[in-house]
Amino acid sequence: MAEGTIKKLTDKGFGFINTGGSKDLFFHSKALQGCTFDDLREGQQVTFTEGRSDKGPCAENVRPA
């Protein structure tokens, strides 16, 4: 699993993870495991697997580290 930091959360149930690379990864609240969207905070470390949606790369299986 890859690791990253939550960069931004929205009030619409999605956010972005800073992976340390040039692009941030999108994630939706449906991709969370072991927590709810309300449990997450910007700056929090998470683990995830990189997946692909019809709109491009995204984070799946997102969990607090």
PDB file of N, CA and C in Angstrom:
ATOM      1  N   MET A   1       0.835  -1.187   0.000  1.00  0.00           N
ATOM      2  CA  MET A   1       0.000   0.000   0.000  1.00  0.00           C
ATOM      3  C   MET A   1       0.876   1.244   0.000  1.00  0.00           C
ATOM      4  N   ALA A   2       0.408   2.247  -0.683  1.00  0.00           N
ATOM      5  CA  ALA A   2       1.112   3.527  -0.734  1.00  0.00           C
ATOM      6  C   ALA A   2       0.676   4.392   0.446  1.00  0.00           C
ATOM      7  N   GLU A   3       1.486   5.390   0.761  1.00  0.00           N
ATOM      8  CA  GLU A   3       1.166   6.318   1.843  1.00  0.00           C
ATOM      9  C   GLU A   3       1.127   7.739   1.315  1.00  0.00           C
ATOM     10  N   GLY A   4       0.323   8.562   1.947  1.00  0.00           N
ATOM     11  CA  GLY A   4       0.228   9.961   1.564  1.00  0.00           C
ATOM     12  C   GLY A   4      -0.408  10.770   2.683  1.00  0.00           C
ATOM     13  N   THR A   5      -0.614  12.042   2.414  1.00  0.00           N
ATOM     14  CA  THR A   5      -1.193  12.972   3.375  1.00  0.00           C
ATOM     15  C   THR A   5      -2.416  13.621   2.754  1.00  0.00           C
ATOM     16  N   ILE A   6      -3.485  13.705   3.522  1.00  0.00           N
ATOM     17  CA  ILE A   6      -4.688  14.353   3.006  1.00  0.00           C
ATOM     18  C   ILE A   6      -4.391  15.837   2.822  1.00  0.00           C
ATOM     19  N   LYS A   7      -4.552  16.300   1.588  1.00  0.00           N
ATOM     20  CA  LYS A   7      -4.261  17.690   1.262  1.00  0.00           C
ATOM     21  C   LYS A   7      -5.504  18.554   1.400  1.00  0.00           C
ATOM     22  N   LYS A   8      -6.640  18.044   0.919  1.00  0.00           N
ATOM     23  CA  LYS A   8      -7.867  18.841   0.943  1.00  0.00           C
ATOM     24  C   LYS A   8      -9.062  17.920   1.070  1.00  0.00           C
ATOM     25  N   LEU A   9     -10.028  18.336   1.893  1.00  0.00           N
ATOM     26  CA  LEU A   9     -11.313  17.661   2.022  1.00  0.00           C
ATOM     27  C   LEU A   9     -12.399  18.650   1.645  1.00  0.00           C
ATOM     28  N   THR A  10     -13.452  18.174   1.006  1.00  0.00           N
ATOM     29  CA  THR A  10     -14.565  19.044   0.626  1.00  0.00           C
ATOM     30  C   THR A  10     -15.801  18.670   1.430  1.00  0.00           C
ATOM     31  N   ASP A  11     -16.796  19.531   1.395  1.00  0.00           N
ATOM     32  CA  ASP A  11     -18.054  19.219   2.076  1.00  0.00           C
ATOM     33  C   ASP A  11     -18.956  18.353   1.200  1.00  0.00           C
ATOM     34  N   LYS A  12     -18.469  17.936   0.045  1.00  0.00           N
ATOM     35  CA  LYS A  12     -19.248  17.094  -0.868  1.00  0.00           C
ATOM     36  C   LYS A  12     -18.855  15.619  -0.797  1.00  0.00           C
ATOM     37  N   GLY A  13     -17.970  15.255   0.160  1.00  0.00           N
ATOM     38  CA  GLY A  13     -17.631  13.849   0.361  1.00  0.00           C
ATOM     39  C   GLY A  13     -16.466  13.335  -0.458  1.00  0.00           C
ATOM     40  N   PHE A  14     -15.587  14.217  -0.887  1.00  0.00           N
ATOM     41  CA  PHE A  14     -14.381  13.764  -1.559  1.00  0.00           C
ATOM     42  C   PHE A  14     -13.207  14.632  -1.147  1.00  0.00           C
ATOM     43  N   GLY A  15     -12.008  14.178  -1.518  1.00  0.00           N
ATOM     44  CA  GLY A  15     -10.816  14.914  -1.156  1.00  0.00           C
ATOM     45  C   GLY A  15      -9.656  14.547  -2.046  1.00  0.00           C
ATOM     46  N   PHE A  16      -8.478  15.053  -1.673  1.00  0.00           N
ATOM     47  CA  PHE A  16      -7.269  14.833  -2.449  1.00  0.00           C
ATOM     48  C   PHE A  16      -6.135  14.437  -1.521  1.00  0.00           C
ATOM     49  N   ILE A  17      -5.310  13.508  -1.976  1.00  0.00           N
ATOM     50  CA  ILE A  17      -4.180  13.007  -1.202  1.00  0.00           C
ATOM     51  C   ILE A  17      -2.891  13.444  -1.874  1.00  0.00           C
ATOM     52  N   ASN A  18      -2.007  14.058  -1.098  1.00  0.00           N
ATOM     53  CA  ASN A  18      -0.672  14.417  -1.572  1.00  0.00           C
ATOM     54  C   ASN A  18       0.182  13.163  -1.456  1.00  0.00           C
ATOM     55  N   THR A  19       0.683  12.688  -2.581  1.00  0.00           N
ATOM     56  CA  THR A  19       1.469  11.452  -2.605  1.00  0.00           C
ATOM     57  C   THR A  19       2.964  11.710  -2.610  1.00  0.00           C
ATOM     58  N   GLY A  20       3.349  12.986  -2.614  1.00  0.00           N
ATOM     59  CA  GLY A  20       4.758  13.329  -2.684  1.00  0.00           C
ATOM     60  C   GLY A  20       5.226  13.502  -4.118  1.00  0.00           C
ATOM     61  N   GLY A  21       4.370  13.190  -5.070  1.00  0.00           N
ATOM     62  CA  GLY A  21       4.699  13.355  -6.482  1.00  0.00           C
ATOM     63  C   GLY A  21       4.172  14.679  -6.999  1.00  0.00           C
ATOM     64  N   SER A  22       4.117  14.795  -8.317  1.00  0.00           N
ATOM     65  CA  SER A  22       3.702  16.053  -8.922  1.00  0.00           C
ATOM     66  C   SER A  22       2.191  16.246  -8.941  1.00  0.00           C
ATOM     67  N   LYS A  23       1.438  15.145  -8.828  1.00  0.00           N
ATOM     68  CA  LYS A  23      -0.023  15.258  -8.857  1.00  0.00           C
ATOM     69  C   LYS A  23      -0.644  14.663  -7.602  1.00  0.00           C
ATOM     70  N   ASP A  24      -1.745  15.257  -7.160  1.00  0.00           N
ATOM     71  CA  ASP A  24      -2.496  14.731  -6.025  1.00  0.00           C
ATOM     72  C   ASP A  24      -3.500  13.714  -6.543  1.00  0.00           C
ATOM     73  N   LEU A  25      -3.860  12.746  -5.687  1.00  0.00           N
ATOM     74  CA  LEU A  25      -4.836  11.731  -6.058  1.00  0.00           C
ATOM     75  C   LEU A  25      -6.199  12.060  -5.469  1.00  0.00           C
ATOM     76  N   PHE A  26      -7.213  11.978  -6.288  1.00  0.00           N
ATOM     77  CA  PHE A  26      -8.603  12.160  -5.880  1.00  0.00           C
ATOM     78  C   PHE A  26      -9.066  10.917  -5.120  1.00  0.00           C
ATOM     79  N   PHE A  27      -9.913  11.097  -4.108  1.00  0.00           N
ATOM     80  CA  PHE A  27     -10.608   9.968  -3.491  1.00  0.00           C
ATOM     81  C   PHE A  27     -12.019  10.390  -3.119  1.00  0.00           C
ATOM     82  N   HIS A  28     -12.912   9.426  -3.145  1.00  0.00           N
ATOM     83  CA  HIS A  28     -14.313   9.650  -2.770  1.00  0.00           C
ATOM     84  C   HIS A  28     -14.566   8.930  -1.449  1.00  0.00           C
ATOM     85  N   SER A  29     -15.542   9.383  -0.708  1.00  0.00           N
ATOM     86  CA  SER A  29     -15.853   8.768   0.582  1.00  0.00           C
ATOM     87  C   SER A  29     -16.185   7.290   0.443  1.00  0.00           C
ATOM     88  N   LYS A  30     -16.636   6.851  -0.718  1.00  0.00           N
ATOM     89  CA  LYS A  30     -16.917   5.423  -0.942  1.00  0.00           C
ATOM     90  C   LYS A  30     -15.639   4.589  -0.929  1.00  0.00           C
ATOM     91  N   ALA A  31     -14.472   5.224  -1.075  1.00  0.00           N
ATOM     92  CA  ALA A  31     -13.196   4.520  -1.111  1.00  0.00           C
ATOM     93  C   ALA A  31     -12.595   4.306   0.284  1.00  0.00           C
ATOM     94  N   LEU A  32     -13.269   4.791   1.327  1.00  0.00           N
ATOM     95  CA  LEU A  32     -12.739   4.697   2.691  1.00  0.00           C
ATOM     96  C   LEU A  32     -12.974   3.321   3.288  1.00  0.00           C
ATOM     97  N   GLN A  33     -12.015   2.873   4.095  1.00  0.00           N
ATOM     98  CA  GLN A  33     -12.142   1.614   4.830  1.00  0.00           C
ATOM     99  C   GLN A  33     -11.676   1.839   6.261  1.00  0.00           C
ATOM    100  N   GLY A  34     -12.463   1.384   7.205  1.00  0.00           N
ATOM    101  CA  GLY A  34     -12.083   1.472   8.609  1.00  0.00           C
ATOM    102  C   GLY A  34     -12.309   2.834   9.244  1.00  0.00           C
ATOM    103  N   CYS A  35     -12.965   3.742   8.538  1.00  0.00           N
ATOM    104  CA  CYS A  35     -13.265   5.059   9.091  1.00  0.00           C
ATOM    105  C   CYS A  35     -14.386   5.681   8.273  1.00  0.00           C
ATOM    106  N   THR A  36     -14.885   6.798   8.763  1.00  0.00           N
ATOM    107  CA  THR A  36     -15.880   7.556   8.008  1.00  0.00           C
ATOM    108  C   THR A  36     -15.220   8.834   7.489  1.00  0.00           C
ATOM    109  N   PHE A  37     -15.867   9.486   6.565  1.00  0.00           N
ATOM    110  CA  PHE A  37     -15.323  10.720   6.000  1.00  0.00           C
ATOM    111  C   PHE A  37     -15.148  11.776   7.092  1.00  0.00           C
ATOM    112  N   ASP A  38     -16.055  11.817   8.047  1.00  0.00           N
ATOM    113  CA  ASP A  38     -15.981  12.800   9.131  1.00  0.00           C
ATOM    114  C   ASP A  38     -14.816  12.544  10.083  1.00  0.00           C
ATOM    115  N   ASP A  39     -14.238  11.337  10.067  1.00  0.00           N
ATOM    116  CA  ASP A  39     -13.083  11.020  10.913  1.00  0.00           C
ATOM    117  C   ASP A  39     -11.786  11.604  10.359  1.00  0.00           C
ATOM    118  N   LEU A  40     -11.769  11.981   9.082  1.00  0.00           N
ATOM    119  CA  LEU A  40     -10.546  12.441   8.431  1.00  0.00           C
ATOM    120  C   LEU A  40     -10.310  13.931   8.638  1.00  0.00           C
ATOM    121  N   ARG A  41      -9.031  14.317   8.635  1.00  0.00           N
ATOM    122  CA  ARG A  41      -8.628  15.716   8.774  1.00  0.00           C
ATOM    123  C   ARG A  41      -7.537  16.027   7.749  1.00  0.00           C
ATOM    124  N   GLU A  42      -7.503  17.250   7.279  1.00  0.00           N
ATOM    125  CA  GLU A  42      -6.426  17.665   6.385  1.00  0.00           C
ATOM    126  C   GLU A  42      -5.103  17.559   7.134  1.00  0.00           C
ATOM    127  N   GLY A  43      -4.073  17.055   6.459  1.00  0.00           N
ATOM    128  CA  GLY A  43      -2.761  16.840   7.074  1.00  0.00           C
ATOM    129  C   GLY A  43      -2.594  15.452   7.665  1.00  0.00           C
ATOM    130  N   GLN A  44      -3.646  14.664   7.700  1.00  0.00           N
ATOM    131  CA  GLN A  44      -3.607  13.318   8.278  1.00  0.00           C
ATOM    132  C   GLN A  44      -2.930  12.338   7.320  1.00  0.00           C
ATOM    133  N   GLN A  45      -2.118  11.449   7.858  1.00  0.00           N
ATOM    134  CA  GLN A  45      -1.477  10.407   7.070  1.00  0.00           C
ATOM    135  C   GLN A  45      -2.484   9.300   6.774  1.00  0.00           C
ATOM    136  N   VAL A  46      -2.460   8.794   5.541  1.00  0.00           N
ATOM    137  CA  VAL A  46      -3.333   7.695   5.131  1.00  0.00           C
ATOM    138  C   VAL A  46      -2.549   6.711   4.276  1.00  0.00           C
ATOM    139  N   THR A  47      -3.060   5.491   4.201  1.00  0.00           N
ATOM    140  CA  THR A  47      -2.555   4.502   3.256  1.00  0.00           C
ATOM    141  C   THR A  47      -3.653   4.266   2.231  1.00  0.00           C
ATOM    142  N   PHE A  48      -3.262   3.831   1.032  1.00  0.00           N
ATOM    143  CA  PHE A  48      -4.230   3.638  -0.042  1.00  0.00           C
ATOM    144  C   PHE A  48      -3.614   2.786  -1.137  1.00  0.00           C
ATOM    145  N   THR A  49      -4.450   2.317  -2.026  1.00  0.00           N
ATOM    146  CA  THR A  49      -3.985   1.701  -3.253  1.00  0.00           C
ATOM    147  C   THR A  49      -4.386   2.614  -4.402  1.00  0.00           C
ATOM    148  N   GLU A  50      -3.529   2.688  -5.394  1.00  0.00           N
ATOM    149  CA  GLU A  50      -3.838   3.554  -6.535  1.00  0.00           C
ATOM    150  C   GLU A  50      -4.706   2.787  -7.522  1.00  0.00           C
ATOM    151  N   GLY A  51      -5.791   3.422  -7.915  1.00  0.00           N
ATOM    152  CA  GLY A  51      -6.714   2.825  -8.863  1.00  0.00           C
ATOM    153  C   GLY A  51      -6.959   3.753 -10.028  1.00  0.00           C
ATOM    154  N   ARG A  52      -7.940   3.415 -10.814  1.00  0.00           N
ATOM    155  CA  ARG A  52      -8.270   4.215 -11.982  1.00  0.00           C
ATOM    156  C   ARG A  52      -9.772   4.323 -12.091  1.00  0.00           C
ATOM    157  N   SER A  53     -10.243   5.538 -12.320  1.00  0.00           N
ATOM    158  CA  SER A  53     -11.665   5.763 -12.563  1.00  0.00           C
ATOM    159  C   SER A  53     -11.810   6.246 -14.004  1.00  0.00           C
ATOM    160  N   ASP A  54     -13.033   6.475 -14.425  1.00  0.00           N
ATOM    161  CA  ASP A  54     -13.241   6.979 -15.781  1.00  0.00           C
ATOM    162  C   ASP A  54     -12.681   8.391 -15.960  1.00  0.00           C
ATOM    163  N   LYS A  55     -12.355   9.059 -14.852  1.00  0.00           N
ATOM    164  CA  LYS A  55     -11.798  10.419 -14.917  1.00  0.00           C
ATOM    165  C   LYS A  55     -10.289  10.449 -14.680  1.00  0.00           C
ATOM    166  N   GLY A  56      -9.658   9.294 -14.496  1.00  0.00           N
ATOM    167  CA  GLY A  56      -8.217   9.248 -14.308  1.00  0.00           C
ATOM    168  C   GLY A  56      -7.826   8.525 -13.032  1.00  0.00           C
ATOM    169  N   PRO A  57      -6.569   8.692 -12.601  1.00  0.00           N
ATOM    170  CA  PRO A  57      -6.084   8.017 -11.393  1.00  0.00           C
ATOM    171  C   PRO A  57      -6.849   8.469 -10.153  1.00  0.00           C
ATOM    172  N   CYS A  58      -7.022   7.548  -9.223  1.00  0.00           N
ATOM    173  CA  CYS A  58      -7.701   7.863  -7.961  1.00  0.00           C
ATOM    174  C   CYS A  58      -7.160   6.953  -6.872  1.00  0.00           C
ATOM    175  N   ALA A  59      -7.471   7.288  -5.629  1.00  0.00           N
ATOM    176  CA  ALA A  59      -7.061   6.466  -4.492  1.00  0.00           C
ATOM    177  C   ALA A  59      -8.243   5.578  -4.096  1.00  0.00           C
ATOM    178  N   GLU A  60      -7.948   4.322  -3.814  1.00  0.00           N
ATOM    179  CA  GLU A  60      -8.944   3.353  -3.359  1.00  0.00           C
ATOM    180  C   GLU A  60      -8.462   2.755  -2.044  1.00  0.00           C
ATOM    181  N   ASN A  61      -9.365   2.140  -1.312  1.00  0.00           N
ATOM    182  CA  ASN A  61      -9.033   1.481  -0.037  1.00  0.00           C
ATOM    183  C   ASN A  61      -8.281   2.424   0.895  1.00  0.00           C
ATOM    184  N   VAL A  62      -8.775   3.638   1.036  1.00  0.00           N
ATOM    185  CA  VAL A  62      -8.116   4.672   1.851  1.00  0.00           C
ATOM    186  C   VAL A  62      -8.369   4.377   3.335  1.00  0.00           C
ATOM    187  N   ARG A  63      -7.284   4.346   4.114  1.00  0.00           N
ATOM    188  CA  ARG A  63      -7.364   4.091   5.553  1.00  0.00           C
ATOM    189  C   ARG A  63      -6.422   5.028   6.298  1.00  0.00           C
ATOM    190  N   PRO A  64      -6.799   5.427   7.508  1.00  0.00           N
ATOM    191  CA  PRO A  64      -5.862   6.215   8.321  1.00  0.00           C
ATOM    192  C   PRO A  64      -4.606   5.376   8.595  1.00  0.00           C
ATOM    193  N   ALA A  65      -3.450   6.012   8.567  1.00  0.00           N
ATOM    194  CA  ALA A  65      -2.183   5.303   8.803  1.00  0.00           C
ATOM    195  C   ALA A  65      -1.962   5.064  10.278  1.00  0.00           C
TER     196      ALA A  65
END
